[in-house]
Amino acid sequence: MVRKRVQSVVDQLNYQPNGIARSLRRAKTNTIGVLVPDISNPYFMELIRSFEDVVSAGNYNIIVASSSERPEKEQRLIEVFLEKRVDAIVLATSRGQLADTVKNCWKRNVPLMLVDRSVADAEVDTIVEENVSGAYELVKYLVTAGHRKIAIINGSAPISTVIERQRGFERATQDYKLSIPDEYVQQGHFDQESGYILGKRLLKMKSAPTAIFCCNNFIAVGLIVAINELGLSIPEDVSVVSFGELLLPELIRPRLTAVIQDPVRVGSIAGRLLLEKLDSEFPANAESITLATHIRLGDSVKILNPANVG
């Protein structure tokens, strides 16, 4: 609709584009800046690889950087990208607000696209995966298996993945009428250290949980290390579930029950959509795409109530 209205005005005014001005405005470097929280995370590694496969076929190169989940570093790197005159920026943000950044990018005629994490105040193309239902289904499976003492280790940053996975956990515990003590809700960072430190804190409690929900794969790795150091085992002593796959999951025993994401699909969709926008004289309105996730059952949950698990 926007394109049609613009074209209608162009026709009415008999507007003739200035070729020189347009070439200056659309001068390209054929580079795209990609900024993620942690390039060592297998999720982002796969997303970047598939994104690059798509955009390189369109004759674009990418510049990759990591924000380390630090908002100030993220903002600084975005400024670096803009100084390098990239044609677009793809961002998995560590912030809850981006309005000023979006305005700054549009002033420079540089499209901004969000992946993995959405922001309410940013009217930009966004490709994410479903978080609430995935978290809900993990908790539901634990309850079905007979667990009532369920803890969660989450991040604390005001980002959509933290908020939505917490929301799924809370909805499930409310629907199944579980009484979750405040100390069962642990918040740190989406990293291995938080899984290790907060996992030990939970496991040393007088009334320790029988199951722990890790809100990302790095947290799960840290928790597994903590469990091993304490001389405990999965799932005999504690059940563990994770939102996100571990690196080389086939080497981890027992194999975790986890929400399986598809970063390759996220990256390829982001690449195709961005190429369309970059090639369009009048880009369409911002699109928001949410992809479904699914649970892969492993051997990391102790079945306390066999009758309920088919």
Protein backbone atom coordinates (compact mmCIF):
# COMPACT_ATOMS: atom_id res chain seq x y z
CA MET A 1 0.00 0.00 0.00
CA VAL A 2 2.82 2.42 0.87
CA ARG A 3 4.52 1.73 -2.44
CA LYS A 4 1.29 2.36 -4.36
CA ARG A 5 0.68 5.69 -2.59
CA VAL A 6 4.22 6.85 -3.25
CA GLN A 7 3.98 5.85 -6.91
CA SER A 8 0.66 7.68 -7.20
CA VAL A 9 2.24 10.92 -5.96
CA VAL A 10 5.20 10.41 -8.30
CA ASP A 11 2.82 10.02 -11.26
CA GLN A 12 0.75 13.08 -10.32
CA LEU A 13 3.80 15.31 -10.03
CA ASN A 14 5.43 13.85 -13.13
CA TYR A 15 8.54 13.41 -10.99
CA GLN A 16 11.78 12.53 -12.78
CA PRO A 17 14.41 11.04 -10.46
CA ASN A 18 17.79 12.68 -10.44
CA GLY A 19 20.14 9.90 -11.43
CA ILE A 20 23.24 11.47 -9.92
CA ALA A 21 21.55 12.22 -6.60
CA ARG A 22 20.09 8.72 -6.45
CA SER A 23 23.43 7.08 -7.14
CA LEU A 24 25.01 9.12 -4.35
CA ARG A 25 22.20 8.29 -1.95
CA ARG A 26 22.35 4.61 -2.77
CA ALA A 27 26.13 4.31 -2.90
CA LYS A 28 26.84 0.84 -1.60
CA THR A 29 29.75 -0.77 0.15
CA ASN A 30 28.17 -4.21 -0.26
CA THR A 31 28.81 -4.93 3.40
CA ILE A 32 26.38 -5.85 6.18
CA GLY A 33 27.21 -5.51 9.86
CA VAL A 34 26.14 -8.46 12.03
CA LEU A 35 26.20 -7.93 15.79
CA VAL A 36 25.37 -10.75 18.22
CA PRO A 37 25.87 -11.17 21.97
CA ASP A 38 28.36 -14.05 21.74
CA ILE A 39 29.85 -15.44 18.54
CA SER A 40 31.06 -18.54 20.43
CA ASN A 41 27.46 -19.57 21.17
CA PRO A 42 26.60 -22.38 18.73
CA TYR A 43 23.18 -20.83 18.12
CA PHE A 44 24.67 -17.59 16.81
CA MET A 45 27.46 -19.42 14.98
CA GLU A 46 24.86 -21.31 12.93
CA LEU A 47 22.68 -18.23 12.42
CA ILE A 48 25.62 -16.19 11.09
CA ARG A 49 26.78 -19.00 8.80
CA SER A 50 23.38 -19.45 7.16
CA PHE A 51 22.86 -15.70 6.89
CA GLU A 52 26.22 -15.29 5.17
CA ASP A 53 25.43 -18.12 2.74
CA VAL A 54 22.36 -16.21 1.55
CA VAL A 55 23.72 -12.67 1.36
CA SER A 56 27.04 -13.70 -0.19
CA ALA A 57 25.04 -15.11 -3.10
CA GLY A 58 23.68 -11.57 -3.45
CA ASN A 59 27.23 -10.17 -3.62
CA TYR A 60 27.32 -8.90 -0.03
CA ASN A 61 30.03 -9.44 2.57
CA ILE A 62 29.47 -9.40 6.31
CA ILE A 63 31.36 -7.87 9.23
CA VAL A 64 30.73 -9.79 12.46
CA ALA A 65 31.12 -8.45 16.00
CA SER A 66 30.12 -9.52 19.52
CA SER A 67 28.56 -7.25 22.15
CA SER A 68 29.31 -9.61 25.06
CA GLU A 69 25.74 -8.82 26.27
CA ARG A 70 26.95 -5.31 27.17
CA PRO A 71 24.59 -2.52 26.00
CA GLU A 72 27.31 0.12 25.93
CA LYS A 73 29.57 -2.07 23.80
CA GLU A 74 26.66 -2.84 21.49
CA GLN A 75 25.98 0.85 20.93
CA ARG A 76 29.65 1.54 20.29
CA LEU A 77 29.88 -1.24 17.71
CA ILE A 78 26.76 0.00 15.93
CA GLU A 79 28.46 3.38 15.61
CA VAL A 80 31.52 1.64 14.18
CA PHE A 81 29.33 -0.14 11.62
CA LEU A 82 27.76 3.16 10.61
CA GLU A 83 31.17 4.78 10.29
CA LYS A 84 32.20 1.90 8.03
CA ARG A 85 29.14 2.79 5.91
CA VAL A 86 27.61 -0.68 5.97
CA ASP A 87 24.50 -1.10 3.85
CA ALA A 88 22.50 -2.69 6.70
CA ILE A 89 22.85 -3.92 10.28
CA VAL A 90 21.57 -7.23 11.65
CA LEU A 91 21.34 -7.22 15.43
CA ALA A 92 20.62 -9.65 18.27
CA THR A 93 20.30 -6.92 20.86
CA SER A 94 21.26 -6.91 24.52
CA ARG A 95 18.93 -3.98 25.21
CA GLY A 96 15.24 -3.57 25.92
CA GLN A 97 14.89 -0.26 24.04
CA LEU A 98 16.19 0.71 20.63
CA ALA A 99 14.16 3.72 19.49
CA ASP A 100 17.13 6.10 19.37
CA THR A 101 19.31 3.55 17.58
CA VAL A 102 16.61 2.92 14.98
CA LYS A 103 16.25 6.65 14.33
CA ASN A 104 20.01 7.02 13.97
CA CYS A 105 20.18 4.16 11.46
CA TRP A 106 17.33 5.54 9.39
CA LYS A 107 18.98 8.97 9.32
CA ARG A 108 21.97 7.27 7.71
CA ASN A 109 19.68 5.32 5.35
CA VAL A 110 20.88 2.04 6.92
CA PRO A 111 18.17 -0.58 7.54
CA LEU A 112 18.26 -2.31 10.93
CA MET A 113 17.03 -5.89 11.30
CA LEU A 114 16.55 -7.78 14.58
CA VAL A 115 17.14 -11.51 14.94
CA ASP A 116 16.49 -13.84 17.90
CA ARG A 117 15.36 -10.96 20.12
CA SER A 118 12.52 -8.49 19.59
CA VAL A 119 12.09 -4.97 20.98
CA ALA A 120 8.68 -3.37 21.44
CA ASP A 121 9.73 0.18 20.53
CA ALA A 122 11.59 -0.78 17.33
CA GLU A 123 9.52 -0.82 14.14
CA VAL A 124 12.03 -2.83 12.14
CA ASP A 125 12.10 -6.23 10.45
CA THR A 126 12.30 -8.89 13.15
CA ILE A 127 12.85 -12.65 12.90
CA VAL A 128 12.58 -14.56 16.18
CA GLU A 129 11.60 -17.98 17.48
CA GLU A 130 8.74 -18.76 19.84
CA ASN A 131 9.82 -18.64 23.48
CA VAL A 132 6.74 -18.70 25.69
CA SER A 133 5.20 -21.94 24.45
CA GLY A 134 8.56 -23.73 24.38
CA ALA A 135 9.26 -22.86 28.01
CA TYR A 136 5.69 -23.81 28.92
CA GLU A 137 6.00 -27.23 27.28
CA LEU A 138 9.27 -28.01 29.07
CA VAL A 139 7.70 -27.29 32.46
CA LYS A 140 4.59 -29.23 31.46
CA TYR A 141 6.74 -32.26 30.64
CA LEU A 142 8.47 -32.04 34.04
CA VAL A 143 5.10 -31.86 35.80
CA THR A 144 3.78 -34.79 33.76
CA ALA A 145 6.85 -36.77 34.81
CA GLY A 146 5.88 -36.14 38.44
CA HIS A 147 8.09 -33.20 39.41
CA ARG A 148 6.72 -30.51 41.70
CA LYS A 149 9.93 -28.90 42.96
CA ILE A 150 11.03 -27.15 39.76
CA ALA A 151 13.61 -24.35 39.67
CA ILE A 152 14.64 -22.01 36.88
CA ILE A 153 17.98 -20.39 35.99
CA ASN A 154 17.45 -17.42 33.71
CA GLY A 155 19.21 -14.28 32.58
CA SER A 156 18.41 -10.89 34.08
CA ALA A 157 18.77 -8.53 31.12
CA PRO A 158 15.56 -6.79 29.92
CA ILE A 159 15.52 -8.69 26.62
CA SER A 160 12.68 -10.62 25.02
CA THR A 161 14.25 -14.08 25.37
CA VAL A 162 14.67 -13.64 29.14
CA ILE A 163 11.20 -12.16 29.63
CA GLU A 164 9.31 -14.60 27.41
CA ARG A 165 10.95 -17.77 28.73
CA GLN A 166 10.25 -16.59 32.27
CA ARG A 167 6.65 -15.94 31.24
CA GLY A 168 6.29 -19.47 29.87
CA PHE A 169 7.71 -20.93 33.08
CA GLU A 170 5.35 -18.87 35.24
CA ARG A 171 2.27 -19.69 33.17
CA ALA A 172 2.97 -23.40 33.41
CA THR A 173 3.60 -23.36 37.15
CA GLN A 174 0.40 -21.38 37.66
CA ASP A 175 -1.68 -23.62 35.39
CA TYR A 176 -0.44 -26.73 37.20
CA LYS A 177 -0.81 -25.05 40.60
CA LEU A 178 2.80 -25.40 41.62
CA SER A 179 4.06 -23.41 44.58
CA ILE A 180 7.51 -22.19 43.53
CA PRO A 181 9.65 -20.71 46.34
CA ASP A 182 11.36 -17.43 45.52
CA GLU A 183 14.77 -19.05 45.96
CA TYR A 184 13.94 -21.48 43.13
CA VAL A 185 13.97 -18.53 40.70
CA GLN A 186 17.61 -17.70 39.99
CA GLN A 187 18.71 -14.94 37.61
CA GLY A 188 22.18 -14.22 36.29
CA HIS A 189 23.43 -14.10 32.72
CA PHE A 190 23.09 -16.26 29.63
CA ASP A 191 26.50 -17.80 30.27
CA GLN A 192 28.19 -20.89 31.66
CA GLU A 193 29.32 -19.13 34.84
CA SER A 194 25.74 -18.35 35.86
CA GLY A 195 24.70 -21.96 35.30
CA TYR A 196 27.60 -23.13 37.45
CA ILE A 197 27.26 -20.66 40.34
CA LEU A 198 23.46 -20.53 40.50
CA GLY A 199 23.20 -24.27 39.90
CA LYS A 200 25.40 -24.98 42.92
CA ARG A 201 23.30 -22.56 44.96
CA LEU A 202 20.14 -24.49 44.10
CA LEU A 203 21.64 -27.93 44.61
CA LYS A 204 23.01 -27.05 48.06
CA MET A 205 19.63 -25.91 49.37
CA LYS A 206 18.16 -27.87 52.26
CA SER A 207 15.09 -28.52 50.13
CA ALA A 208 16.77 -28.71 46.73
CA PRO A 209 14.67 -28.86 43.54
CA THR A 210 14.23 -32.20 41.80
CA ALA A 211 14.32 -30.51 38.38
CA ILE A 212 16.01 -27.40 36.96
CA PHE A 213 14.98 -25.51 33.82
CA CYS A 214 17.93 -23.76 32.14
CA CYS A 215 16.87 -20.84 29.96
CA ASN A 216 19.72 -21.22 27.48
CA ASN A 217 22.33 -23.73 26.41
CA PHE A 218 25.34 -22.08 28.09
CA ILE A 219 23.50 -22.04 31.43
CA ALA A 220 22.85 -25.76 30.96
CA VAL A 221 26.57 -26.46 30.38
CA GLY A 222 27.48 -24.62 33.59
CA LEU A 223 24.85 -26.52 35.54
CA ILE A 224 26.13 -29.87 34.24
CA VAL A 225 29.65 -28.97 35.44
CA ALA A 226 28.27 -28.04 38.88
CA ILE A 227 26.33 -31.30 39.12
CA ASN A 228 29.42 -33.32 38.28
CA GLU A 229 31.58 -31.43 40.80
CA LEU A 230 29.05 -32.11 43.56
CA GLY A 231 29.19 -35.82 42.80
CA LEU A 232 25.58 -35.89 41.64
CA SER A 233 24.15 -37.42 38.50
CA ILE A 234 21.49 -36.61 35.90
CA PRO A 235 18.66 -37.62 36.13
CA GLU A 236 19.00 -39.79 39.24
CA ASP A 237 19.72 -36.87 41.59
CA VAL A 238 18.37 -33.95 39.58
CA SER A 239 16.56 -33.62 36.27
CA VAL A 240 17.73 -30.97 33.80
CA VAL A 241 16.01 -29.41 30.79
CA SER A 242 17.32 -26.68 28.52
CA PHE A 243 15.97 -24.03 26.17
CA GLY A 244 18.41 -24.54 23.33
CA GLU A 245 20.68 -27.28 22.06
CA LEU A 246 24.17 -27.94 23.41
CA LEU A 247 27.23 -27.92 21.21
CA LEU A 248 27.89 -31.52 20.06
CA PRO A 249 24.85 -32.88 21.96
CA GLU A 250 25.56 -36.43 20.82
CA LEU A 251 28.66 -36.42 23.06
CA ILE A 252 26.76 -35.39 26.21
CA ARG A 253 25.33 -38.19 28.33
CA PRO A 254 22.58 -38.34 29.24
CA ARG A 255 21.19 -36.42 26.29
CA LEU A 256 19.22 -33.40 27.49
CA THR A 257 15.54 -32.87 26.98
CA ALA A 258 15.51 -29.47 25.30
CA VAL A 259 13.65 -26.95 23.20
CA ILE A 260 15.20 -27.26 19.76
CA GLN A 261 15.65 -24.05 17.83
CA ASP A 262 16.56 -23.61 14.18
CA PRO A 263 19.18 -20.87 13.83
CA VAL A 264 19.90 -21.95 10.26
CA ARG A 265 16.33 -21.15 9.30
CA VAL A 266 16.41 -17.84 11.18
CA GLY A 267 19.60 -16.84 9.38
CA SER A 268 18.42 -17.82 5.94
CA ILE A 269 15.06 -16.05 6.31
CA ALA A 270 16.83 -12.96 7.63
CA GLY A 271 19.20 -13.03 4.65
CA ARG A 272 16.46 -13.37 2.04
CA LEU A 273 14.29 -10.68 3.61
CA LEU A 274 17.17 -8.24 3.92
CA LEU A 275 18.23 -8.75 0.31
CA GLU A 276 14.67 -7.96 -0.77
CA LYS A 277 14.68 -4.74 1.25
CA LEU A 278 18.11 -3.67 0.00
CA ASP A 279 17.12 -4.26 -3.63
CA SER A 280 13.81 -2.39 -3.34
CA GLU A 281 13.45 1.28 -4.27
CA PHE A 282 10.50 1.55 -1.87
CA PRO A 283 10.92 -1.13 0.85
CA ALA A 284 7.73 -2.58 2.30
CA ASN A 285 6.68 -1.95 5.90
CA ALA A 286 8.57 -3.73 8.66
CA GLU A 287 7.78 -7.43 9.02
CA SER A 288 7.71 -9.46 12.24
CA ILE A 289 8.24 -13.20 11.79
CA THR A 290 7.97 -15.71 14.65
CA LEU A 291 9.09 -19.27 13.98
CA ALA A 292 7.86 -22.31 15.91
CA THR A 293 10.16 -24.35 18.16
CA HIS A 294 9.76 -27.94 19.31
CA ILE A 295 10.89 -30.17 22.18
CA ARG A 296 13.26 -33.08 21.73
CA LEU A 297 12.94 -35.61 24.54
CA GLY A 298 16.20 -36.95 25.92
CA ASP A 299 17.19 -38.94 28.99
CA SER A 300 17.77 -36.08 31.43
CA VAL A 301 14.41 -36.20 33.23
CA LYS A 302 13.70 -38.75 35.93
CA ILE A 303 10.20 -40.17 35.55
CA LEU A 304 8.63 -40.03 39.01
CA ASN A 305 5.14 -40.80 37.72
CA PRO A 306 5.41 -43.38 34.89
CA ALA A 307 1.63 -43.61 34.51
CA ASN A 308 1.46 -40.05 33.18
CA VAL A 309 4.24 -40.34 30.62
CA GLY A 310 3.37 -42.11 27.40
